[in-house]
Structure formats: C-alpha cells, structure tokens
PDB file of N, CA and C in Angstrom:
ATOM      1  N   MET A   1     -36.635 -35.554-153.554  1.00  0.00           N
ATOM      2  CA  MET A   1     -36.222 -37.157-153.390  1.00  0.00           C
ATOM      3  C   MET A   1     -37.469 -37.924-153.473  1.00  0.00           C
ATOM      4  N   ILE A   2     -37.101 -39.023-154.043  1.00  0.00           N
ATOM      5  CA  ILE A   2     -38.290 -39.872-154.579  1.00  0.00           C
ATOM      6  C   ILE A   2     -37.969 -41.367-153.779  1.00  0.00           C
ATOM      7  N   ALA A   3     -39.231 -41.323-152.923  1.00  0.00           N
ATOM      8  CA  ALA A   3     -38.951 -42.978-152.191  1.00  0.00           C
ATOM      9  C   ALA A   3     -39.550 -44.150-153.307  1.00  0.00           C
ATOM     10  N   THR A   4     -38.924 -45.314-153.445  1.00  0.00           N
ATOM     11  CA  THR A   4     -39.302 -46.390-154.200  1.00  0.00           C
ATOM     12  C   THR A   4     -39.153 -47.528-153.259  1.00  0.00           C
ATOM     13  N   ARG A   5     -39.921 -48.414-153.849  1.00  0.00           N
ATOM     14  CA  ARG A   5     -40.031 -49.618-153.619  1.00  0.00           C
ATOM     15  C   ARG A   5     -39.449 -50.929-154.326  1.00  0.00           C
ATOM     16  N   ASN A   6     -38.413 -51.582-153.541  1.00  0.00           N
ATOM     17  CA  ASN A   6     -38.085 -52.753-154.529  1.00  0.00           C
ATOM     18  C   ASN A   6     -38.778 -54.034-154.182  1.00  0.00           C
ATOM     19  N   ALA A   7     -38.531 -55.118-154.614  1.00  0.00           N
ATOM     20  CA  ALA A   7     -39.129 -56.293-154.736  1.00  0.00           C
ATOM     21  C   ALA A   7     -39.314 -56.948-153.274  1.00  0.00           C
ATOM     22  N   VAL A   8     -38.264 -56.716-152.537  1.00  0.00           N
ATOM     23  CA  VAL A   8     -38.557 -57.482-151.182  1.00  0.00           C
ATOM     24  C   VAL A   8     -39.359 -56.587-150.038  1.00  0.00           C
ATOM     25  N   GLY A   9     -39.662 -55.211-150.914  1.00  0.00           N
ATOM     26  CA  GLY A   9     -40.363 -54.226-150.029  1.00  0.00           C
ATOM     27  C   GLY A   9     -39.906 -53.247-149.510  1.00  0.00           C
ATOM     28  N   VAL A  10     -38.454 -53.229-149.754  1.00  0.00           N
ATOM     29  CA  VAL A  10     -37.857 -52.045-149.005  1.00  0.00           C
ATOM     30  C   VAL A  10     -37.917 -50.722-149.382  1.00  0.00           C
ATOM     31  N   TYR A  11     -38.086 -49.755-148.530  1.00  0.00           N
ATOM     32  CA  TYR A  11     -38.064 -48.718-149.455  1.00  0.00           C
ATOM     33  C   TYR A  11     -36.731 -47.631-149.430  1.00  0.00           C
ATOM     34  N   SER A  12     -36.430 -47.438-150.678  1.00  0.00           N
ATOM     35  CA  SER A  12     -34.999 -46.419-150.611  1.00  0.00           C
ATOM     36  C   SER A  12     -35.263 -45.299-151.075  1.00  0.00           C
ATOM     37  N   TRP A  13     -34.394 -44.290-151.029  1.00  0.00           N
ATOM     38  CA  TRP A  13     -34.596 -43.243-151.173  1.00  0.00           C
ATOM     39  C   TRP A  13     -33.577 -42.855-152.291  1.00  0.00           C
ATOM     40  N   GLN A  14     -34.103 -42.022-153.631  1.00  0.00           N
ATOM     41  CA  GLN A  14     -33.244 -41.804-154.163  1.00  0.00           C
ATOM     42  C   GLN A  14     -33.330 -40.067-154.632  1.00  0.00           C
ATOM     43  N   GLN A  15     -32.400 -39.206-155.006  1.00  0.00           N
ATOM     44  CA  GLN A  15     -32.505 -38.216-154.937  1.00  0.00           C
ATOM     45  C   GLN A  15     -33.031 -37.876-156.461  1.00  0.00           C
ATOM     46  N   ASN A  16     -33.626 -36.864-156.603  1.00  0.00           N
ATOM     47  CA  ASN A  16     -34.299 -36.056-158.187  1.00  0.00           C
ATOM     48  C   ASN A  16     -33.093 -35.704-159.298  1.00  0.00           C
ATOM     49  N   THR A  17     -33.015 -36.510-160.169  1.00  0.00           N
ATOM     50  CA  THR A  17     -32.112 -36.234-161.269  1.00  0.00           C
ATOM     51  C   THR A  17     -32.690 -35.420-162.088  1.00  0.00           C
ATOM     52  N   LYS A  18     -32.189 -34.715-162.935  1.00  0.00           N
ATOM     53  CA  LYS A  18     -32.969 -34.389-164.270  1.00  0.00           C
ATOM     54  C   LYS A  18     -32.089 -35.726-165.418  1.00  0.00           C
ATOM     55  N   ARG A  19     -33.208 -36.051-166.258  1.00  0.00           N
ATOM     56  CA  ARG A  19     -32.614 -36.790-167.170  1.00  0.00           C
ATOM     57  C   ARG A  19     -31.965 -35.582-168.397  1.00  0.00           C
ATOM     58  N   LYS A  20     -30.981 -36.429-168.947  1.00  0.00           N
ATOM     59  CA  LYS A  20     -30.176 -35.520-170.271  1.00  0.00           C
ATOM     60  C   LYS A  20     -31.160 -35.755-171.097  1.00  0.00           C
ATOM     61  N   THR A  21     -31.974 -34.931-171.977  1.00  0.00           N
ATOM     62  CA  THR A  21     -32.481 -35.161-172.968  1.00  0.00           C
ATOM     63  C   THR A  21     -31.765 -34.529-174.222  1.00  0.00           C
ATOM     64  N   ASN A  22     -31.967 -35.011-175.173  1.00  0.00           N
ATOM     65  CA  ASN A  22     -31.269 -34.381-176.537  1.00  0.00           C
ATOM     66  C   ASN A  22     -32.285 -33.186-177.161  1.00  0.00           C
ATOM     67  N   THR A  23     -32.014 -32.331-176.493  1.00  0.00           N
ATOM     68  CA  THR A  23     -32.780 -30.971-176.895  1.00  0.00           C
ATOM     69  C   THR A  23     -32.179 -29.933-177.944  1.00  0.00           C
ATOM     70  N   GLU A  24     -30.826 -30.244-178.381  1.00  0.00           N
ATOM     71  CA  GLU A  24     -30.278 -29.950-179.414  1.00  0.00           C
ATOM     72  C   GLU A  24     -30.926 -29.767-180.852  1.00  0.00           C
ATOM     73  N   LYS A  25     -31.431 -28.618-181.167  1.00  0.00           N
ATOM     74  CA  LYS A  25     -32.208 -28.528-182.827  1.00  0.00           C
ATOM     75  C   LYS A  25     -30.798 -28.602-183.892  1.00  0.00           C
ATOM     76  N   ILE A  26     -31.766 -29.588-184.716  1.00  0.00           N
ATOM     77  CA  ILE A  26     -31.149 -30.051-185.939  1.00  0.00           C
ATOM     78  C   ILE A  26     -31.197 -28.493-186.675  1.00  0.00           C
ATOM     79  N   ASN A  27     -29.663 -28.002-187.330  1.00  0.00           N
ATOM     80  CA  ASN A  27     -29.564 -26.680-188.132  1.00  0.00           C
ATOM     81  C   ASN A  27     -30.155 -27.237-189.530  1.00  0.00           C
ATOM     82  N   VAL A  28     -31.439 -26.954-189.539  1.00  0.00           N
ATOM     83  CA  VAL A  28     -31.499 -27.500-191.217  1.00  0.00           C
ATOM     84  C   VAL A  28     -31.312 -26.619-191.867  1.00  0.00           C
ATOM     85  N   LYS A  29     -31.486 -25.578-191.707  1.00  0.00           N
ATOM     86  CA  LYS A  29     -30.389 -24.339-192.779  1.00  0.00           C
ATOM     87  C   LYS A  29     -29.335 -24.915-193.316  1.00  0.00           C
ATOM     88  N   GLY A  30     -28.533 -25.242-192.086  1.00  0.00           N
ATOM     89  CA  GLY A  30     -27.133 -25.761-192.685  1.00  0.00           C
ATOM     90  C   GLY A  30     -27.178 -27.135-193.241  1.00  0.00           C
ATOM     91  N   PHE A  31     -28.004 -28.103-193.158  1.00  0.00           N
ATOM     92  CA  PHE A  31     -28.309 -29.203-193.799  1.00  0.00           C
ATOM     93  C   PHE A  31     -28.597 -28.723-195.209  1.00  0.00           C
ATOM     94  N   ILE A  32     -29.379 -28.483-195.453  1.00  0.00           N
ATOM     95  CA  ILE A  32     -30.202 -27.874-196.666  1.00  0.00           C
ATOM     96  C   ILE A  32     -28.949 -27.003-197.735  1.00  0.00           C
ATOM     97  N   ASN A  33     -28.199 -26.389-197.031  1.00  0.00           N
ATOM     98  CA  ASN A  33     -27.122 -25.491-197.881  1.00  0.00           C
ATOM     99  C   ASN A  33     -26.025 -26.490-198.219  1.00  0.00           C
ATOM    100  N   SER A  34     -25.385 -27.479-197.331  1.00  0.00           N
ATOM    101  CA  SER A  34     -24.640 -28.550-197.935  1.00  0.00           C
ATOM    102  C   SER A  34     -25.326 -29.780-198.533  1.00  0.00           C
ATOM    103  N   THR A  35     -26.238 -29.762-198.492  1.00  0.00           N
ATOM    104  CA  THR A  35     -26.933 -30.742-199.464  1.00  0.00           C
ATOM    105  C   THR A  35     -27.264 -29.963-200.937  1.00  0.00           C
ATOM    106  N   VAL A  36     -27.879 -28.673-201.269  1.00  0.00           N
ATOM    107  CA  VAL A  36     -27.848 -28.040-202.518  1.00  0.00           C
ATOM    108  C   VAL A  36     -25.950 -27.877-202.689  1.00  0.00           C
ATOM    109  N   LEU A  37     -25.369 -27.566-201.989  1.00  0.00           N
ATOM    110  CA  LEU A  37     -24.045 -27.830-202.707  1.00  0.00           C
ATOM    111  C   LEU A  37     -23.498 -28.864-203.445  1.00  0.00           C
ATOM    112  N   ILE A  38     -23.470 -30.079-202.693  1.00  0.00           N
ATOM    113  CA  ILE A  38     -23.224 -31.047-203.138  1.00  0.00           C
ATOM    114  C   ILE A  38     -23.829 -31.709-204.284  1.00  0.00           C
ATOM    115  N   VAL A  39     -25.517 -31.439-204.618  1.00  0.00           N
ATOM    116  CA  VAL A  39     -26.065 -31.952-205.652  1.00  0.00           C
ATOM    117  C   VAL A  39     -25.655 -30.992-206.592  1.00  0.00           C
ATOM    118  N   ALA A  40     -25.221 -29.639-206.650  1.00  0.00           N
ATOM    119  CA  ALA A  40     -24.707 -28.910-207.551  1.00  0.00           C
ATOM    120  C   ALA A  40     -23.699 -29.182-207.621  1.00  0.00           C
ATOM    121  N   LEU A  41     -22.468 -29.585-207.129  1.00  0.00           N
ATOM    122  CA  LEU A  41     -21.265 -29.851-207.229  1.00  0.00           C
ATOM    123  C   LEU A  41     -21.312 -31.242-208.650  1.00  0.00           C
ATOM    124  N   LEU A  42     -22.342 -32.308-208.040  1.00  0.00           N
ATOM    125  CA  LEU A  42     -22.522 -33.174-209.071  1.00  0.00           C
ATOM    126  C   LEU A  42     -22.530 -33.274-210.186  1.00  0.00           C
ATOM    127  N   PHE A  43     -23.879 -32.294-210.044  1.00  0.00           N
ATOM    128  CA  PHE A  43     -24.478 -31.738-211.565  1.00  0.00           C
ATOM    129  C   PHE A  43     -23.141 -30.959-212.468  1.00  0.00           C
ATOM    130  N   VAL A  44     -22.355 -30.137-211.937  1.00  0.00           N
ATOM    131  CA  VAL A  44     -21.121 -29.595-212.299  1.00  0.00           C
ATOM    132  C   VAL A  44     -20.222 -30.596-213.291  1.00  0.00           C
ATOM    133  N   SER A  45     -19.731 -31.460-212.138  1.00  0.00           N
ATOM    134  CA  SER A  45     -19.219 -32.730-212.496  1.00  0.00           C
ATOM    135  C   SER A  45     -19.623 -33.707-213.630  1.00  0.00           C
ATOM    136  N   ALA A  46     -20.810 -33.889-213.671  1.00  0.00           N
ATOM    137  CA  ALA A  46     -21.426 -34.837-214.684  1.00  0.00           C
ATOM    138  C   ALA A  46     -21.473 -33.972-215.795  1.00  0.00           C
ATOM    139  N   ALA A  47     -21.662 -32.497-216.013  1.00  0.00           N
ATOM    140  CA  ALA A  47     -21.854 -31.612-217.142  1.00  0.00           C
ATOM    141  C   ALA A  47     -20.170 -31.666-217.880  1.00  0.00           C
ATOM    142  N   VAL A  48     -19.010 -31.824-216.723  1.00  0.00           N
ATOM    143  CA  VAL A  48     -17.610 -31.416-217.235  1.00  0.00           C
ATOM    144  C   VAL A  48     -17.314 -32.841-217.843  1.00  0.00           C
ATOM    145  N   TYR A  49     -17.890 -33.817-217.324  1.00  0.00           N
ATOM    146  CA  TYR A  49     -17.509 -35.396-217.690  1.00  0.00           C
ATOM    147  C   TYR A  49     -18.184 -35.530-219.261  1.00  0.00           C
ATOM    148  N   LEU A  50     -19.452 -35.386-219.364  1.00  0.00           N
ATOM    149  CA  LEU A  50     -19.982 -35.377-220.552  1.00  0.00           C
ATOM    150  C   LEU A  50     -19.100 -34.515-221.473  1.00  0.00           C
ATOM    151  N   TYR A  51     -19.388 -33.620-221.224  1.00  0.00           N
ATOM    152  CA  TYR A  51     -18.651 -32.474-222.392  1.00  0.00           C
ATOM    153  C   TYR A  51     -17.147 -32.895-222.809  1.00  0.00           C
ATOM    154  N   SER A  52     -16.179 -33.382-221.699  1.00  0.00           N
ATOM    155  CA  SER A  52     -14.789 -34.190-222.263  1.00  0.00           C
ATOM    156  C   SER A  52     -15.032 -35.112-223.110  1.00  0.00           C
ATOM    157  N   ILE A  53     -16.564 -36.421-222.655  1.00  0.00           N
ATOM    158  CA  ILE A  53     -16.228 -37.549-223.262  1.00  0.00           C
ATOM    159  C   ILE A  53     -16.978 -37.216-225.137  1.00  0.00           C
ATOM    160  N   ASN A  54     -18.091 -36.337-225.011  1.00  0.00           N
ATOM    161  CA  ASN A  54     -18.406 -35.631-226.194  1.00  0.00           C
ATOM    162  C   ASN A  54     -17.396 -35.010-227.001  1.00  0.00           C
ATOM    163  N   SER A  55     -16.250 -34.432-226.408  1.00  0.00           N
ATOM    164  CA  SER A  55     -15.277 -33.778-227.116  1.00  0.00           C
ATOM    165  C   SER A  55     -14.273 -34.758-227.698  1.00  0.00           C
ATOM    166  N   SER A  56     -13.868 -35.677-226.611  1.00  0.00           N
ATOM    167  CA  SER A  56     -13.032 -36.741-227.270  1.00  0.00           C
ATOM    168  C   SER A  56     -13.841 -37.450-228.554  1.00  0.00           C
ATOM    169  N   ALA A  57     -14.946 -37.978-228.183  1.00  0.00           N
ATOM    170  CA  ALA A  57     -15.479 -38.508-229.182  1.00  0.00           C
ATOM    171  C   ALA A  57     -15.660 -37.985-230.848  1.00  0.00           C
ATOM    172  N   SER A  58     -15.695 -36.843-230.620  1.00  0.00           N
ATOM    173  CA  SER A  58     -16.163 -36.096-231.872  1.00  0.00           C
ATOM    174  C   SER A  58     -14.902 -35.607-232.496  1.00  0.00           C
ATOM    175  N   LYS A  59     -13.558 -35.702-231.715  1.00  0.00           N
ATOM    176  CA  LYS A  59     -12.183 -35.686-232.307  1.00  0.00           C
ATOM    177  C   LYS A  59     -11.548 -36.949-232.745  1.00  0.00           C
ATOM    178  N   GLY A  60     -12.186 -38.347-232.489  1.00  0.00           N
ATOM    179  CA  GLY A  60     -12.014 -39.107-232.338  1.00  0.00           C
ATOM    180  C   GLY A  60     -12.647 -39.479-234.050  1.00  0.00           C
ATOM    181  N   TYR A  61     -13.839 -38.947-234.075  1.00  0.00           N
ATOM    182  CA  TYR A  61     -14.405 -39.142-235.466  1.00  0.00           C
ATOM    183  C   TYR A  61     -13.539 -38.318-236.398  1.00  0.00           C
ATOM    184  N   GLN A  62     -13.399 -37.090-236.263  1.00  0.00           N
ATOM    185  CA  GLN A  62     -12.708 -36.360-237.020  1.00  0.00           C
ATOM    186  C   GLN A  62     -11.356 -36.785-237.713  1.00  0.00           C
ATOM    187  N   MET A  63     -10.520 -37.270-236.512  1.00  0.00           N
ATOM    188  CA  MET A  63      -9.262 -38.289-236.686  1.00  0.00           C
ATOM    189  C   MET A  63      -9.886 -39.248-238.202  1.00  0.00           C
ATOM    190  N   ARG A  64     -10.514 -40.129-237.679  1.00  0.00           N
ATOM    191  CA  ARG A  64     -10.927 -41.603-238.724  1.00  0.00           C
ATOM    192  C   ARG A  64     -11.255 -40.605-239.907  1.00  0.00           C
ATOM    193  N   GLN A  65     -11.875 -39.787-240.415  1.00  0.00           N
ATOM    194  CA  GLN A  65     -12.303 -38.657-241.376  1.00  0.00           C
ATOM    195  C   GLN A  65     -10.821 -38.654-242.112  1.00  0.00           C
ATOM    196  N   VAL A  66      -9.899 -37.864-241.228  1.00  0.00           N
ATOM    197  CA  VAL A  66      -8.679 -37.534-241.924  1.00  0.00           C
ATOM    198  C   VAL A  66      -8.083 -38.778-242.778  1.00  0.00           C
ATOM    199  N   GLU A  67      -8.165 -39.666-241.671  1.00  0.00           N
ATOM    200  CA  GLU A  67      -7.308 -40.899-241.949  1.00  0.00           C
ATOM    201  C   GLU A  67      -7.823 -41.933-243.260  1.00  0.00           C
ATOM    202  N   LYS A  68      -9.224 -41.502-243.417  1.00  0.00           N
ATOM    203  CA  LYS A  68      -9.892 -41.943-244.767  1.00  0.00           C
ATOM    204  C   LYS A  68      -9.056 -40.615-245.653  1.00  0.00           C
ATOM    205  N   ASP A  69      -9.292 -39.826-245.737  1.00  0.00           N
ATOM    206  CA  ASP A  69      -8.783 -38.755-246.570  1.00  0.00           C
ATOM    207  C   ASP A  69      -7.211 -39.238-247.178  1.00  0.00           C
ATOM    208  N   ILE A  70      -6.371 -39.100-246.141  1.00  0.00           N
ATOM    209  CA  ILE A  70      -5.107 -39.415-246.268  1.00  0.00           C
ATOM    210  C   ILE A  70      -4.945 -41.008-247.483  1.00  0.00           C
ATOM    211  N   ASN A  71      -5.574 -42.067-246.561  1.00  0.00           N
ATOM    212  CA  ASN A  71      -5.829 -43.154-247.746  1.00  0.00           C
ATOM    213  C   ASN A  71      -6.030 -42.709-249.032  1.00  0.00           C
ATOM    214  N   ASN A  72      -6.945 -42.207-249.082  1.00  0.00           N
ATOM    215  CA  ASN A  72      -7.854 -41.714-250.570  1.00  0.00           C
ATOM    216  C   ASN A  72      -6.863 -41.207-251.398  1.00  0.00           C
ATOM    217  N   LEU A  73      -6.014 -40.141-250.570  1.00  0.00           N
ATOM    218  CA  LEU A  73      -4.940 -39.298-251.615  1.00  0.00           C
ATOM    219  C   LEU A  73      -3.606 -40.218-252.107  1.00  0.00           C
ATOM    220  N   LYS A  74      -3.389 -41.241-251.140  1.00  0.00           N
ATOM    221  CA  LYS A  74      -2.321 -41.939-251.441  1.00  0.00           C
ATOM    222  C   LYS A  74      -2.440 -42.990-252.518  1.00  0.00           C
ATOM    223  N   LYS A  75      -3.796 -43.201-252.506  1.00  0.00           N
ATOM    224  CA  LYS A  75      -4.161 -44.115-253.647  1.00  0.00           C
ATOM    225  C   LYS A  75      -4.205 -43.605-255.006  1.00  0.00           C
ATOM    226  N   GLU A  76      -4.826 -42.120-254.765  1.00  0.00           N
ATOM    227  CA  GLU A  76      -4.732 -41.229-255.994  1.00  0.00           C
ATOM    228  C   GLU A  76      -3.336 -41.306-256.484  1.00  0.00           C
ATOM    229  N   ASN A  77      -2.482 -40.728-255.778  1.00  0.00           N
ATOM    230  CA  ASN A  77      -1.404 -40.415-256.081  1.00  0.00           C
ATOM    231  C   ASN A  77      -0.744 -41.816-256.768  1.00  0.00           C
ATOM    232  N   GLU A  78      -1.111 -43.130-256.202  1.00  0.00           N
ATOM    233  CA  GLU A  78      -0.403 -44.254-256.807  1.00  0.00           C
ATOM    234  C   GLU A  78      -1.214 -44.182-258.422  1.00  0.00           C
ATOM    235  N   ASN A  79      -2.219 -43.843-258.519  1.00  0.00           N
ATOM    236  CA  ASN A  79      -2.614 -44.279-259.649  1.00  0.00           C
ATOM    237  C   ASN A  79      -2.238 -43.290-260.623  1.00  0.00           C
ATOM    238  N   LEU A  80      -1.814 -41.715-260.357  1.00  0.00           N
ATOM    239  CA  LEU A  80      -1.447 -40.878-261.187  1.00  0.00           C
ATOM    240  C   LEU A  80       0.343 -41.122-261.313  1.00  0.00           C
ATOM    241  N   LYS A  81       0.925 -41.655-260.721  1.00  0.00           N
ATOM    242  CA  LYS A  81       2.236 -42.288-260.880  1.00  0.00           C
ATOM    243  C   LYS A  81       2.052 -43.154-261.917  1.00  0.00           C
ATOM    244  N   ILE A  82       0.790 -43.987-261.868  1.00  0.00           N
ATOM    245  CA  ILE A  82       1.047 -45.041-262.789  1.00  0.00           C
ATOM    246  C   ILE A  82       0.622 -44.463-264.056  1.00  0.00           C
ATOM    247  N   LYS A  83      -0.253 -43.381-264.066  1.00  0.00           N
ATOM    248  CA  LYS A  83      -0.653 -42.627-265.218  1.00  0.00           C
ATOM    249  C   LYS A  83       0.326 -42.065-266.126  1.00  0.00           C
ATOM    250  N   GLU A  84       1.754 -41.483-265.190  1.00  0.00           N
ATOM    251  CA  GLU A  84       2.507 -40.588-265.383  1.00  0.00           C
ATOM    252  C   GLU A  84       3.525 -41.547-266.261  1.00  0.00           C
ATOM    253  N   ALA A  85       3.453 -42.751-265.630  1.00  0.00           N
ATOM    254  CA  ALA A  85       4.956 -43.845-266.234  1.00  0.00           C
ATOM    255  C   ALA A  85       4.321 -44.268-267.464  1.00  0.00           C
ATOM    256  N   GLU A  86       2.910 -44.523-268.041  1.00  0.00           N
ATOM    257  CA  GLU A  86       2.427 -44.700-269.357  1.00  0.00           C
ATOM    258  C   GLU A  86       2.517 -43.660-269.985  1.00  0.00           C
ATOM    259  N   LEU A  87       1.973 -42.661-269.835  1.00  0.00           N
ATOM    260  CA  LEU A  87       2.293 -41.347-270.911  1.00  0.00           C
ATOM    261  C   LEU A  87       3.546 -41.249-271.034  1.00  0.00           C
ATOM    262  N   LYS A  88       4.761 -41.426-270.246  1.00  0.00           N
ATOM    263  CA  LYS A  88       6.187 -41.139-270.629  1.00  0.00           C
ATOM    264  C   LYS A  88       6.542 -42.616-271.380  1.00  0.00           C
ATOM    265  N   SER A  89       6.114 -43.457-271.532  1.00  0.00           N
ATOM    266  CA  SER A  89       6.501 -44.742-272.164  1.00  0.00           C
ATOM    267  C   SER A  89       6.685 -44.437-273.476  1.00  0.00           C
ATOM    268  N   LEU A  90       7.767 -44.957-274.274  1.00  0.00           N
ATOM    269  CA  LEU A  90       8.209 -44.940-275.506  1.00  0.00           C
ATOM    270  C   LEU A  90       6.836 -45.743-276.701  1.00  0.00           C
ATOM    271  N   TYR A  91       6.364 -46.173-275.993  1.00  0.00           N
ATOM    272  CA  TYR A  91       5.212 -46.736-276.803  1.00  0.00           C
ATOM    273  C   TYR A  91       3.795 -45.753-277.205  1.00  0.00           C
ATOM    274  N   HIS A  92       3.416 -45.019-276.067  1.00  0.00           N
ATOM    275  CA  HIS A  92       2.576 -43.525-275.934  1.00  0.00           C
ATOM    276  C   HIS A  92       3.090 -42.721-277.054  1.00  0.00           C
ATOM    277  N   ILE A  93       4.383 -42.686-276.597  1.00  0.00           N
ATOM    278  CA  ILE A  93       5.182 -41.656-277.648  1.00  0.00           C
ATOM    279  C   ILE A  93       5.193 -42.035-278.964  1.00  0.00           C
ATOM    280  N   GLU A  94       5.044 -43.043-279.472  1.00  0.00           N
ATOM    281  CA  GLU A  94       5.176 -43.206-280.932  1.00  0.00           C
ATOM    282  C   GLU A  94       3.824 -43.293-281.155  1.00  0.00           C
ATOM    283  N   GLU A  95       2.526 -43.837-280.401  1.00  0.00           N
ATOM    284  CA  GLU A  95       1.474 -43.751-280.770  1.00  0.00           C
ATOM    285  C   GLU A  95       1.054 -42.522-280.943  1.00  0.00           C
ATOM    286  N   SER A  96       1.161 -41.467-279.788  1.00  0.00           N
ATOM    287  CA  SER A  96       1.178 -40.054-279.922  1.00  0.00           C
ATOM    288  C   SER A  96       1.376 -39.518-281.482  1.00  0.00           C
ATOM    289  N   SER A  97       2.671 -39.734-281.805  1.00  0.00           N
ATOM    290  CA  SER A  97       3.360 -39.223-282.933  1.00  0.00           C
ATOM    291  C   SER A  97       2.648 -39.670-284.415  1.00  0.00           C
ATOM    292  N   LYS A  98       2.175 -40.863-284.292  1.00  0.00           N
ATOM    293  CA  LYS A  98       1.298 -41.254-285.538  1.00  0.00           C
ATOM    294  C   LYS A  98       0.346 -40.786-285.400  1.00  0.00           C
ATOM    295  N   ASN A  99      -0.576 -40.302-284.503  1.00  0.00           N
ATOM    296  CA  ASN A  99      -1.987 -39.623-284.676  1.00  0.00           C
ATOM    297  C   ASN A  99      -1.530 -38.185-284.815  1.00  0.00           C
ATOM    298  N   LEU A 100      -0.558 -37.909-284.092  1.00  0.00           N
ATOM    299  CA  LEU A 100      -0.435 -36.352-284.987  1.00  0.00           C
ATOM    300  C   LEU A 100       0.123 -36.179-286.377  1.00  0.00           C
ATOM    301  N   ASN A 101       0.146 -37.186-287.451  1.00  0.00           N
ATOM    302  CA  ASN A 101       0.553 -37.433-288.184  1.00  0.00           C
ATOM    303  C   ASN A 101       1.956 -37.203-288.653  1.00  0.00           C
ATOM    304  N   MET A 102       3.031 -37.576-287.324  1.00  0.00           N
ATOM    305  CA  MET A 102       4.217 -37.296-287.894  1.00  0.00           C
ATOM    306  C   MET A 102       5.031 -38.522-288.686  1.00  0.00           C
ATOM    307  N   GLY A 103       5.900 -38.489-289.433  1.00  0.00           N
ATOM    308  CA  GLY A 103       6.458 -39.530-289.738  1.00  0.00           C
ATOM    309  C   GLY A 103       8.120 -39.990-289.105  1.00  0.00           C
ATOM    310  N   ASP A 104       8.342 -41.059-289.761  1.00  0.00           N
ATOM    311  CA  ASP A 104      10.077 -41.776-289.496  1.00  0.00           C
ATOM    312  C   ASP A 104      10.631 -40.921-290.435  1.00  0.00           C
ATOM    313  N   LEU A 105      11.793 -40.046-290.117  1.00  0.00           N
ATOM    314  CA  LEU A 105      13.077 -40.039-290.708  1.00  0.00           C
ATOM    315  C   LEU A 105      13.903 -40.825-291.151  1.00  0.00           C
ATOM    316  N   LYS A 106      14.157 -40.794-292.459  1.00  0.00           N
ATOM    317  CA  LYS A 106      14.707 -41.709-293.266  1.00  0.00           C
ATOM    318  C   LYS A 106      16.292 -41.393-293.098  1.00  0.00           C
ATOM    319  N   ASN A 107      16.418 -40.356-293.922  1.00  0.00           N
ATOM    320  CA  ASN A 107      17.988 -39.794-293.842  1.00  0.00           C
ATOM    321  C   ASN A 107      18.162 -38.778-292.868  1.00  0.00           C
ATOM    322  N   VAL A 108      18.898 -38.974-291.869  1.00  0.00           N
ATOM    323  CA  VAL A 108      19.394 -38.097-290.373  1.00  0.00           C
ATOM    324  C   VAL A 108      20.506 -37.531-290.813  1.00  0.00           C
ATOM    325  N   SER A 109      20.632 -36.269-290.826  1.00  0.00           N
ATOM    326  CA  SER A 109      21.858 -35.523-291.110  1.00  0.00           C
ATOM    327  C   SER A 109      22.529 -34.899-289.723  1.00  0.00           C
ATOM    328  N   TYR A 110      23.743 -34.937-289.588  1.00  0.00           N
ATOM    329  CA  TYR A 110      24.307 -34.227-288.443  1.00  0.00           C
ATOM    330  C   TYR A 110      25.258 -33.161-288.797  1.00  0.00           C
ATOM    331  N   ILE A 111      25.074 -32.128-288.091  1.00  0.00           N
ATOM    332  CA  ILE A 111      26.122 -31.148-288.361  1.00  0.00           C
ATOM    333  C   ILE A 111      27.124 -31.078-287.038  1.00  0.00           C
ATOM    334  N   GLU A 112      28.570 -31.032-288.249  1.00  0.00           N
ATOM    335  CA  GLU A 112      29.927 -31.107-286.977  1.00  0.00           C
ATOM    336  C   GLU A 112      30.260 -29.704-287.584  1.00  0.00           C
ATOM    337  N   GLU A 113      30.542 -29.163-286.169  1.00  0.00           N
ATOM    338  CA  GLU A 113      31.031 -27.765-285.909  1.00  0.00           C
ATOM    339  C   GLU A 113      32.479 -27.999-285.689  1.00  0.00           C
ATOM    340  N   THR A 114      33.158 -27.331-286.056  1.00  0.00           N
ATOM    341  CA  THR A 114      34.669 -27.405-285.830  1.00  0.00           C
ATOM    342  C   THR A 114      35.188 -25.741-285.539  1.00  0.00           C
ATOM    343  N   GLY A 115      34.438 -24.985-285.397  1.00  0.00           N
ATOM    344  CA  GLY A 115      35.071 -23.786-284.951  1.00  0.00           C
ATOM    345  C   GLY A 115      34.956 -22.971-283.726  1.00  0.00           C
ATOM    346  N   PRO A 116      34.439 -21.879-283.580  1.00  0.00           N
ATOM    347  CA  PRO A 116      34.877 -21.373-281.828  1.00  0.00           C
ATOM    348  C   PRO A 116      33.416 -21.565-281.265  1.00  0.00           C
ATOM    349  N   VAL A 117      33.194 -23.196-280.650  1.00  0.00           N
ATOM    350  CA  VAL A 117      32.279 -23.428-280.049  1.00  0.00           C
ATOM    351  C   VAL A 117      32.653 -23.794-278.709  1.00  0.00           C
ATOM    352  N   ALA A 118      31.776 -23.406-277.833  1.00  0.00           N
ATOM    353  CA  ALA A 118      32.218 -23.689-276.160  1.00  0.00           C
ATOM    354  C   ALA A 118      32.639 -25.012-276.214  1.00  0.00           C
ATOM    355  N   MET A 119      33.579 -25.666-276.366  1.00  0.00           N
ATOM    356  CA  MET A 119      34.119 -27.061-276.088  1.00  0.00           C
ATOM    357  C   MET A 119      35.248 -27.699-275.705  1.00  0.00           C
ATOM    358  N   LYS A 120      35.127 -28.227-274.819  1.00  0.00           N
ATOM    359  CA  LYS A 120      36.292 -28.668-274.308  1.00  0.00           C
ATOM    360  C   LYS A 120      37.011 -30.220-274.889  1.00  0.00           C
TER     361      LYS A 120
END
C-alpha cells in the first residue's frame, strides 16, 4: 500500500497495483516475410502488366503492317485489272497485228457443209 497526500493535506491509502505495460514483442520475422511477399507480388504483377502491354502493342503494329499490305495489294490488283482491259481492247489487238506484220483479209471465204455434221 502506498500513502498519498492530496492537496488538502489528507492522506489516503492506495493498494499497490501493477501497471499494465505493453510487453508484447513485435514478431519481426512475420512482418518481414509478409513485406517481402507483398513486394514480390507487386513485382510479379508489374511484370505481367508490362508483358501484356508489350504484347498488345506489338500485335497492333503487326496488324497495321498487314492492313498496309492489304491496301497495297488492292491497289496493285486494280492496276492489273486496268492493264488487262487495255490488253484485251480491240485497239491493242489491231496494233499488235500490225507489229507482227499481219495484213487485213480482203477476200473471206466460208465453207458451207451440208453433210453429216453434228448440227441440229
């Protein structure tokens, strides 16, 4: 018991009580393990995120390249169709026949067959 004196001068007796103090030790190993685990998870998630972003960017680049190739092939196809039409034109055929020293036919004769030919 402890005797204490108050401001008026009266003594009072108090029983000795132990103060409760925080004597629990912090588990440092558990704290470090959880911190290391969280940091490791952050690094892994960051790596996965960077991989996915890089992958989608490279696929986008490849897609643009393929679209450019498709457009170039469409233009080339149109040019070839125009060239085909020019080569099939009557004017081109007449010019080619002149270059090959072919002449115009003046007297054309047709053969008329009235025999056993497959006709209906």
